[in-house]
Amino acid sequence: MSTLQKAKGFRKSKAGTYLSLGTTLFGAVNVVKQVRKARGEDDALLLVDAVVSAAAIATGVALLVRELRRIGDDDVLLG
């Protein structure tokens, strides 16, 4: 198995999905900072950017949670 195939397999694994979830949630910290900065500077455009980023993060987290549930359903040991 090549290194590229192993990497693709890791991305679809439970550990890879948890890693993706963690990095996505880490991005949420930056969005909170961006919202605070936008409110402090009274910058509407920066606030809109932060809200759109937050929506993208929420969608990403929902997709990752769905993937974790799908992986959990396929687990033979849990059934």
PDB file of N, CA and C in Angstrom:
ATOM      1  N   MET A   1       0.849  -1.171   0.000  1.00  0.00           N
ATOM      2  CA  MET A   1       0.000   0.000   0.000  1.00  0.00           C
ATOM      3  C   MET A   1       0.898   1.239   0.000  1.00  0.00           C
ATOM      4  N   SER A   2       0.611   2.170  -0.889  1.00  0.00           N
ATOM      5  CA  SER A   2       1.432   3.375  -0.987  1.00  0.00           C
ATOM      6  C   SER A   2       1.106   4.338   0.154  1.00  0.00           C
ATOM      7  N   THR A   3       1.987   5.291   0.339  1.00  0.00           N
ATOM      8  CA  THR A   3       1.808   6.286   1.392  1.00  0.00           C
ATOM      9  C   THR A   3       0.565   7.124   1.136  1.00  0.00           C
ATOM     10  N   LEU A   4       0.309   7.429  -0.140  1.00  0.00           N
ATOM     11  CA  LEU A   4      -0.865   8.227  -0.480  1.00  0.00           C
ATOM     12  C   LEU A   4      -2.154   7.474  -0.160  1.00  0.00           C
ATOM     13  N   GLN A   5      -2.187   6.187  -0.417  1.00  0.00           N
ATOM     14  CA  GLN A   5      -3.366   5.391  -0.093  1.00  0.00           C
ATOM     15  C   GLN A   5      -3.573   5.298   1.417  1.00  0.00           C
ATOM     16  N   LYS A   6      -2.482   5.187   2.159  1.00  0.00           N
ATOM     17  CA  LYS A   6      -2.594   5.160   3.619  1.00  0.00           C
ATOM     18  C   LYS A   6      -3.152   6.478   4.144  1.00  0.00           C
ATOM     19  N   ALA A   7      -2.687   7.590   3.566  1.00  0.00           N
ATOM     20  CA  ALA A   7      -3.161   8.903   3.997  1.00  0.00           C
ATOM     21  C   ALA A   7      -4.647   9.070   3.698  1.00  0.00           C
ATOM     22  N   LYS A   8      -5.078   8.610   2.540  1.00  0.00           N
ATOM     23  CA  LYS A   8      -6.498   8.703   2.201  1.00  0.00           C
ATOM     24  C   LYS A   8      -7.328   7.829   3.135  1.00  0.00           C
ATOM     25  N   GLY A   9      -6.806   6.675   3.499  1.00  0.00           N
ATOM     26  CA  GLY A   9      -7.504   5.800   4.431  1.00  0.00           C
ATOM     27  C   GLY A   9      -7.605   6.396   5.816  1.00  0.00           C
ATOM     28  N   PHE A  10      -6.557   7.099   6.248  1.00  0.00           N
ATOM     29  CA  PHE A  10      -6.569   7.732   7.572  1.00  0.00           C
ATOM     30  C   PHE A  10      -7.626   8.819   7.634  1.00  0.00           C
ATOM     31  N   ARG A  11      -7.775   9.546   6.543  1.00  0.00           N
ATOM     32  CA  ARG A  11      -8.740  10.633   6.531  1.00  0.00           C
ATOM     33  C   ARG A  11     -10.164  10.114   6.742  1.00  0.00           C
ATOM     34  N   LYS A  12     -10.440   8.917   6.284  1.00  0.00           N
ATOM     35  CA  LYS A  12     -11.772   8.336   6.450  1.00  0.00           C
ATOM     36  C   LYS A  12     -11.900   7.483   7.704  1.00  0.00           C
ATOM     37  N   SER A  13     -10.826   7.370   8.470  1.00  0.00           N
ATOM     38  CA  SER A  13     -10.869   6.571   9.686  1.00  0.00           C
ATOM     39  C   SER A  13     -11.472   7.383  10.828  1.00  0.00           C
ATOM     40  N   LYS A  14     -11.760   6.688  11.923  1.00  0.00           N
ATOM     41  CA  LYS A  14     -12.326   7.363  13.087  1.00  0.00           C
ATOM     42  C   LYS A  14     -11.328   8.359  13.673  1.00  0.00           C
ATOM     43  N   ALA A  15     -10.057   7.961  13.750  1.00  0.00           N
ATOM     44  CA  ALA A  15      -9.036   8.863  14.289  1.00  0.00           C
ATOM     45  C   ALA A  15      -8.862  10.092  13.392  1.00  0.00           C
ATOM     46  N   GLY A  16      -8.872   9.876  12.098  1.00  0.00           N
ATOM     47  CA  GLY A  16      -8.746  10.998  11.162  1.00  0.00           C
ATOM     48  C   GLY A  16      -9.921  11.949  11.257  1.00  0.00           C
ATOM     49  N   THR A  17     -11.107  11.397  11.461  1.00  0.00           N
ATOM     50  CA  THR A  17     -12.298  12.232  11.588  1.00  0.00           C
ATOM     51  C   THR A  17     -12.249  13.039  12.882  1.00  0.00           C
ATOM     52  N   TYR A  18     -11.780  12.409  13.973  1.00  0.00           N
ATOM     53  CA  TYR A  18     -11.623  13.155  15.218  1.00  0.00           C
ATOM     54  C   TYR A  18     -10.583  14.270  15.072  1.00  0.00           C
ATOM     55  N   LEU A  19      -9.514  13.999  14.344  1.00  0.00           N
ATOM     56  CA  LEU A  19      -8.500  15.020  14.113  1.00  0.00           C
ATOM     57  C   LEU A  19      -9.082  16.180  13.307  1.00  0.00           C
ATOM     58  N   SER A  20      -9.863  15.870  12.292  1.00  0.00           N
ATOM     59  CA  SER A  20     -10.514  16.912  11.502  1.00  0.00           C
ATOM     60  C   SER A  20     -11.482  17.724  12.347  1.00  0.00           C
ATOM     61  N   LEU A  21     -12.207  17.040  13.210  1.00  0.00           N
ATOM     62  CA  LEU A  21     -13.145  17.723  14.097  1.00  0.00           C
ATOM     63  C   LEU A  21     -12.412  18.675  15.039  1.00  0.00           C
ATOM     64  N   GLY A  22     -11.280  18.222  15.573  1.00  0.00           N
ATOM     65  CA  GLY A  22     -10.487  19.075  16.464  1.00  0.00           C
ATOM     66  C   GLY A  22      -9.944  20.311  15.768  1.00  0.00           C
ATOM     67  N   THR A  23      -9.442  20.140  14.562  1.00  0.00           N
ATOM     68  CA  THR A  23      -8.907  21.300  13.839  1.00  0.00           C
ATOM     69  C   THR A  23     -10.020  22.252  13.430  1.00  0.00           C
ATOM     70  N   THR A  24     -11.184  21.713  13.128  1.00  0.00           N
ATOM     71  CA  THR A  24     -12.321  22.571  12.791  1.00  0.00           C
ATOM     72  C   THR A  24     -12.758  23.379  14.006  1.00  0.00           C
ATOM     73  N   LEU A  25     -12.815  22.732  15.157  1.00  0.00           N
ATOM     74  CA  LEU A  25     -13.198  23.448  16.374  1.00  0.00           C
ATOM     75  C   LEU A  25     -12.138  24.465  16.784  1.00  0.00           C
ATOM     76  N   PHE A  26     -10.874  24.173  16.454  1.00  0.00           N
ATOM     77  CA  PHE A  26      -9.821  25.152  16.717  1.00  0.00           C
ATOM     78  C   PHE A  26     -10.053  26.410  15.874  1.00  0.00           C
ATOM     79  N   GLY A  27     -10.575  26.232  14.676  1.00  0.00           N
ATOM     80  CA  GLY A  27     -10.916  27.380  13.827  1.00  0.00           C
ATOM     81  C   GLY A  27     -12.017  28.221  14.443  1.00  0.00           C
ATOM     82  N   ALA A  28     -12.878  27.598  15.239  1.00  0.00           N
ATOM     83  CA  ALA A  28     -13.955  28.333  15.897  1.00  0.00           C
ATOM     84  C   ALA A  28     -13.395  29.352  16.895  1.00  0.00           C
ATOM     85  N   VAL A  29     -12.270  29.032  17.503  1.00  0.00           N
ATOM     86  CA  VAL A  29     -11.630  29.973  18.433  1.00  0.00           C
ATOM     87  C   VAL A  29     -11.229  31.244  17.687  1.00  0.00           C
ATOM     88  N   ASN A  30     -10.696  31.070  16.478  1.00  0.00           N
ATOM     89  CA  ASN A  30     -10.310  32.236  15.686  1.00  0.00           C
ATOM     90  C   ASN A  30     -11.526  33.063  15.269  1.00  0.00           C
ATOM     91  N   VAL A  31     -12.641  32.418  15.012  1.00  0.00           N
ATOM     92  CA  VAL A  31     -13.854  33.148  14.644  1.00  0.00           C
ATOM     93  C   VAL A  31     -14.354  33.967  15.833  1.00  0.00           C
ATOM     94  N   VAL A  32     -14.276  33.406  17.029  1.00  0.00           N
ATOM     95  CA  VAL A  32     -14.691  34.155  18.223  1.00  0.00           C
ATOM     96  C   VAL A  32     -13.817  35.397  18.389  1.00  0.00           C
ATOM     97  N   LYS A  33     -12.516  35.245  18.173  1.00  0.00           N
ATOM     98  CA  LYS A  33     -11.611  36.407  18.244  1.00  0.00           C
ATOM     99  C   LYS A  33     -11.971  37.442  17.199  1.00  0.00           C
ATOM    100  N   GLN A  34     -12.327  36.962  16.008  1.00  0.00           N
ATOM    101  CA  GLN A  34     -12.682  37.873  14.921  1.00  0.00           C
ATOM    102  C   GLN A  34     -13.972  38.632  15.251  1.00  0.00           C
ATOM    103  N   VAL A  35     -14.933  37.960  15.862  1.00  0.00           N
ATOM    104  CA  VAL A  35     -16.188  38.618  16.248  1.00  0.00           C
ATOM    105  C   VAL A  35     -15.912  39.685  17.301  1.00  0.00           C
ATOM    106  N   ARG A  36     -15.089  39.361  18.284  1.00  0.00           N
ATOM    107  CA  ARG A  36     -14.760  40.344  19.332  1.00  0.00           C
ATOM    108  C   ARG A  36     -14.069  41.572  18.738  1.00  0.00           C
ATOM    109  N   LYS A  37     -13.155  41.321  17.797  1.00  0.00           N
ATOM    110  CA  LYS A  37     -12.443  42.428  17.160  1.00  0.00           C
ATOM    111  C   LYS A  37     -13.402  43.282  16.346  1.00  0.00           C
ATOM    112  N   ALA A  38     -14.325  42.632  15.627  1.00  0.00           N
ATOM    113  CA  ALA A  38     -15.285  43.362  14.801  1.00  0.00           C
ATOM    114  C   ALA A  38     -16.212  44.220  15.654  1.00  0.00           C
ATOM    115  N   ARG A  39     -16.644  43.669  16.780  1.00  0.00           N
ATOM    116  CA  ARG A  39     -17.515  44.445  17.662  1.00  0.00           C
ATOM    117  C   ARG A  39     -16.763  45.596  18.315  1.00  0.00           C
ATOM    118  N   GLY A  40     -15.508  45.350  18.669  1.00  0.00           N
ATOM    119  CA  GLY A  40     -14.705  46.398  19.296  1.00  0.00           C
ATOM    120  C   GLY A  40     -14.417  47.550  18.354  1.00  0.00           C
ATOM    121  N   GLU A  41     -14.196  47.240  17.095  1.00  0.00           N
ATOM    122  CA  GLU A  41     -13.911  48.276  16.094  1.00  0.00           C
ATOM    123  C   GLU A  41     -15.175  48.785  15.413  1.00  0.00           C
ATOM    124  N   ASP A  42     -16.321  48.202  15.750  1.00  0.00           N
ATOM    125  CA  ASP A  42     -17.605  48.559  15.139  1.00  0.00           C
ATOM    126  C   ASP A  42     -17.544  48.413  13.617  1.00  0.00           C
ATOM    127  N   ASP A  43     -16.968  47.304  13.174  1.00  0.00           N
ATOM    128  CA  ASP A  43     -16.760  47.030  11.747  1.00  0.00           C
ATOM    129  C   ASP A  43     -17.787  45.999  11.278  1.00  0.00           C
ATOM    130  N   ALA A  44     -18.785  46.466  10.539  1.00  0.00           N
ATOM    131  CA  ALA A  44     -19.876  45.590  10.101  1.00  0.00           C
ATOM    132  C   ALA A  44     -19.384  44.543   9.099  1.00  0.00           C
ATOM    133  N   LEU A  45     -18.493  44.927   8.217  1.00  0.00           N
ATOM    134  CA  LEU A  45     -18.015  44.000   7.195  1.00  0.00           C
ATOM    135  C   LEU A  45     -17.207  42.856   7.820  1.00  0.00           C
ATOM    136  N   LEU A  46     -16.388  43.175   8.790  1.00  0.00           N
ATOM    137  CA  LEU A  46     -15.626  42.145   9.491  1.00  0.00           C
ATOM    138  C   LEU A  46     -16.555  41.224  10.287  1.00  0.00           C
ATOM    139  N   LEU A  47     -17.621  41.786  10.831  1.00  0.00           N
ATOM    140  CA  LEU A  47     -18.596  40.983  11.565  1.00  0.00           C
ATOM    141  C   LEU A  47     -19.333  40.029  10.625  1.00  0.00           C
ATOM    142  N   VAL A  48     -19.700  40.499   9.443  1.00  0.00           N
ATOM    143  CA  VAL A  48     -20.352  39.630   8.460  1.00  0.00           C
ATOM    144  C   VAL A  48     -19.411  38.500   8.058  1.00  0.00           C
ATOM    145  N   ASP A  49     -18.142  38.810   7.869  1.00  0.00           N
ATOM    146  CA  ASP A  49     -17.156  37.793   7.526  1.00  0.00           C
ATOM    147  C   ASP A  49     -17.056  36.734   8.621  1.00  0.00           C
ATOM    148  N   ALA A  50     -17.083  37.169   9.868  1.00  0.00           N
ATOM    149  CA  ALA A  50     -17.010  36.239  10.991  1.00  0.00           C
ATOM    150  C   ALA A  50     -18.249  35.357  11.062  1.00  0.00           C
ATOM    151  N   VAL A  51     -19.405  35.921  10.789  1.00  0.00           N
ATOM    152  CA  VAL A  51     -20.650  35.147  10.827  1.00  0.00           C
ATOM    153  C   VAL A  51     -20.654  34.095   9.721  1.00  0.00           C
ATOM    154  N   VAL A  52     -20.189  34.464   8.530  1.00  0.00           N
ATOM    155  CA  VAL A  52     -20.117  33.506   7.422  1.00  0.00           C
ATOM    156  C   VAL A  52     -19.113  32.401   7.756  1.00  0.00           C
ATOM    157  N   SER A  53     -17.996  32.768   8.351  1.00  0.00           N
ATOM    158  CA  SER A  53     -17.006  31.771   8.757  1.00  0.00           C
ATOM    159  C   SER A  53     -17.578  30.834   9.812  1.00  0.00           C
ATOM    160  N   ALA A  54     -18.343  31.383  10.742  1.00  0.00           N
ATOM    161  CA  ALA A  54     -18.963  30.554  11.782  1.00  0.00           C
ATOM    162  C   ALA A  54     -19.964  29.578  11.170  1.00  0.00           C
ATOM    163  N   ALA A  55     -20.702  30.021  10.161  1.00  0.00           N
ATOM    164  CA  ALA A  55     -21.651  29.131   9.491  1.00  0.00           C
ATOM    165  C   ALA A  55     -20.915  27.995   8.783  1.00  0.00           C
ATOM    166  N   ALA A  56     -19.778  28.309   8.172  1.00  0.00           N
ATOM    167  CA  ALA A  56     -18.986  27.282   7.494  1.00  0.00           C
ATOM    168  C   ALA A  56     -18.439  26.271   8.504  1.00  0.00           C
ATOM    169  N   ILE A  57     -18.008  26.748   9.651  1.00  0.00           N
ATOM    170  CA  ILE A  57     -17.489  25.858  10.683  1.00  0.00           C
ATOM    171  C   ILE A  57     -18.609  24.967  11.232  1.00  0.00           C
ATOM    172  N   ALA A  58     -19.784  25.552  11.450  1.00  0.00           N
ATOM    173  CA  ALA A  58     -20.910  24.761  11.952  1.00  0.00           C
ATOM    174  C   ALA A  58     -21.297  23.665  10.958  1.00  0.00           C
ATOM    175  N   THR A  59     -21.281  23.988   9.686  1.00  0.00           N
ATOM    176  CA  THR A  59     -21.585  22.988   8.659  1.00  0.00           C
ATOM    177  C   THR A  59     -20.524  21.901   8.646  1.00  0.00           C
ATOM    178  N   GLY A  60     -19.261  22.290   8.758  1.00  0.00           N
ATOM    179  CA  GLY A  60     -18.172  21.315   8.782  1.00  0.00           C
ATOM    180  C   GLY A  60     -18.262  20.377   9.965  1.00  0.00           C
ATOM    181  N   VAL A  61     -18.589  20.921  11.125  1.00  0.00           N
ATOM    182  CA  VAL A  61     -18.732  20.090  12.326  1.00  0.00           C
ATOM    183  C   VAL A  61     -19.900  19.116  12.157  1.00  0.00           C
ATOM    184  N   ALA A  62     -21.007  19.590  11.592  1.00  0.00           N
ATOM    185  CA  ALA A  62     -22.156  18.707  11.374  1.00  0.00           C
ATOM    186  C   ALA A  62     -21.799  17.566  10.422  1.00  0.00           C
ATOM    187  N   LEU A  63     -21.050  17.861   9.377  1.00  0.00           N
ATOM    188  CA  LEU A  63     -20.627  16.814   8.443  1.00  0.00           C
ATOM    189  C   LEU A  63     -19.698  15.808   9.108  1.00  0.00           C
ATOM    190  N   LEU A  64     -18.791  16.286   9.936  1.00  0.00           N
ATOM    191  CA  LEU A  64     -17.872  15.384  10.625  1.00  0.00           C
ATOM    192  C   LEU A  64     -18.585  14.510  11.648  1.00  0.00           C
ATOM    193  N   VAL A  65     -19.553  15.070  12.348  1.00  0.00           N
ATOM    194  CA  VAL A  65     -20.325  14.285  13.307  1.00  0.00           C
ATOM    195  C   VAL A  65     -21.118  13.207  12.573  1.00  0.00           C
ATOM    196  N   ARG A  66     -21.684  13.561  11.421  1.00  0.00           N
ATOM    197  CA  ARG A  66     -22.395  12.569  10.619  1.00  0.00           C
ATOM    198  C   ARG A  66     -21.458  11.444  10.183  1.00  0.00           C
ATOM    199  N   GLU A  67     -20.238  11.810   9.792  1.00  0.00           N
ATOM    200  CA  GLU A  67     -19.249  10.809   9.385  1.00  0.00           C
ATOM    201  C   GLU A  67     -18.883   9.899  10.558  1.00  0.00           C
ATOM    202  N   LEU A  68     -18.736  10.468  11.752  1.00  0.00           N
ATOM    203  CA  LEU A  68     -18.444   9.651  12.933  1.00  0.00           C
ATOM    204  C   LEU A  68     -19.581   8.684  13.235  1.00  0.00           C
ATOM    205  N   ARG A  69     -20.810   9.138  13.082  1.00  0.00           N
ATOM    206  CA  ARG A  69     -21.950   8.242  13.296  1.00  0.00           C
ATOM    207  C   ARG A  69     -21.965   7.124  12.266  1.00  0.00           C
ATOM    208  N   ARG A  70     -21.628   7.446  11.017  1.00  0.00           N
ATOM    209  CA  ARG A  70     -21.600   6.435   9.968  1.00  0.00           C
ATOM    210  C   ARG A  70     -20.514   5.400  10.252  1.00  0.00           C
ATOM    211  N   ILE A  71     -19.351   5.878  10.684  1.00  0.00           N
ATOM    212  CA  ILE A  71     -18.256   4.960  11.022  1.00  0.00           C
ATOM    213  C   ILE A  71     -18.663   4.087  12.204  1.00  0.00           C
ATOM    214  N   GLY A  72     -19.328   4.673  13.187  1.00  0.00           N
ATOM    215  CA  GLY A  72     -19.778   3.927  14.362  1.00  0.00           C
ATOM    216  C   GLY A  72     -20.794   2.857  14.001  1.00  0.00           C
ATOM    217  N   ASP A  73     -21.651   3.126  13.023  1.00  0.00           N
ATOM    218  CA  ASP A  73     -22.651   2.139  12.609  1.00  0.00           C
ATOM    219  C   ASP A  73     -22.009   0.955  11.907  1.00  0.00           C
ATOM    220  N   ASP A  74     -20.880   1.179  11.238  1.00  0.00           N
ATOM    221  CA  ASP A  74     -20.200   0.115  10.511  1.00  0.00           C
ATOM    222  C   ASP A  74     -19.305  -0.745  11.404  1.00  0.00           C
ATOM    223  N   ASP A  75     -19.132  -0.339  12.646  1.00  0.00           N
ATOM    224  CA  ASP A  75     -18.232  -1.055  13.541  1.00  0.00           C
ATOM    225  C   ASP A  75     -18.841  -2.380  13.974  1.00  0.00           C
ATOM    226  N   VAL A  76     -18.185  -3.451  13.677  1.00  0.00           N
ATOM    227  CA  VAL A  76     -18.692  -4.796  13.975  1.00  0.00           C
ATOM    228  C   VAL A  76     -18.716  -5.036  15.484  1.00  0.00           C
ATOM    229  N   LEU A  77     -17.749  -4.500  16.190  1.00  0.00           N
ATOM    230  CA  LEU A  77     -17.653  -4.756  17.628  1.00  0.00           C
ATOM    231  C   LEU A  77     -18.764  -4.079  18.418  1.00  0.00           C
ATOM    232  N   LEU A  78     -19.307  -2.988  17.892  1.00  0.00           N
ATOM    233  CA  LEU A  78     -20.373  -2.297  18.605  1.00  0.00           C
ATOM    234  C   LEU A  78     -21.720  -2.985  18.443  1.00  0.00           C
ATOM    235  N   GLY A  79     -21.907  -3.719  17.361  1.00  0.00           N
ATOM    236  CA  GLY A  79     -23.203  -4.318  17.048  1.00  0.00           C
ATOM    237  C   GLY A  79     -23.500  -5.472  17.885  1.00  0.00           C
TER     238      GLY A  79
END
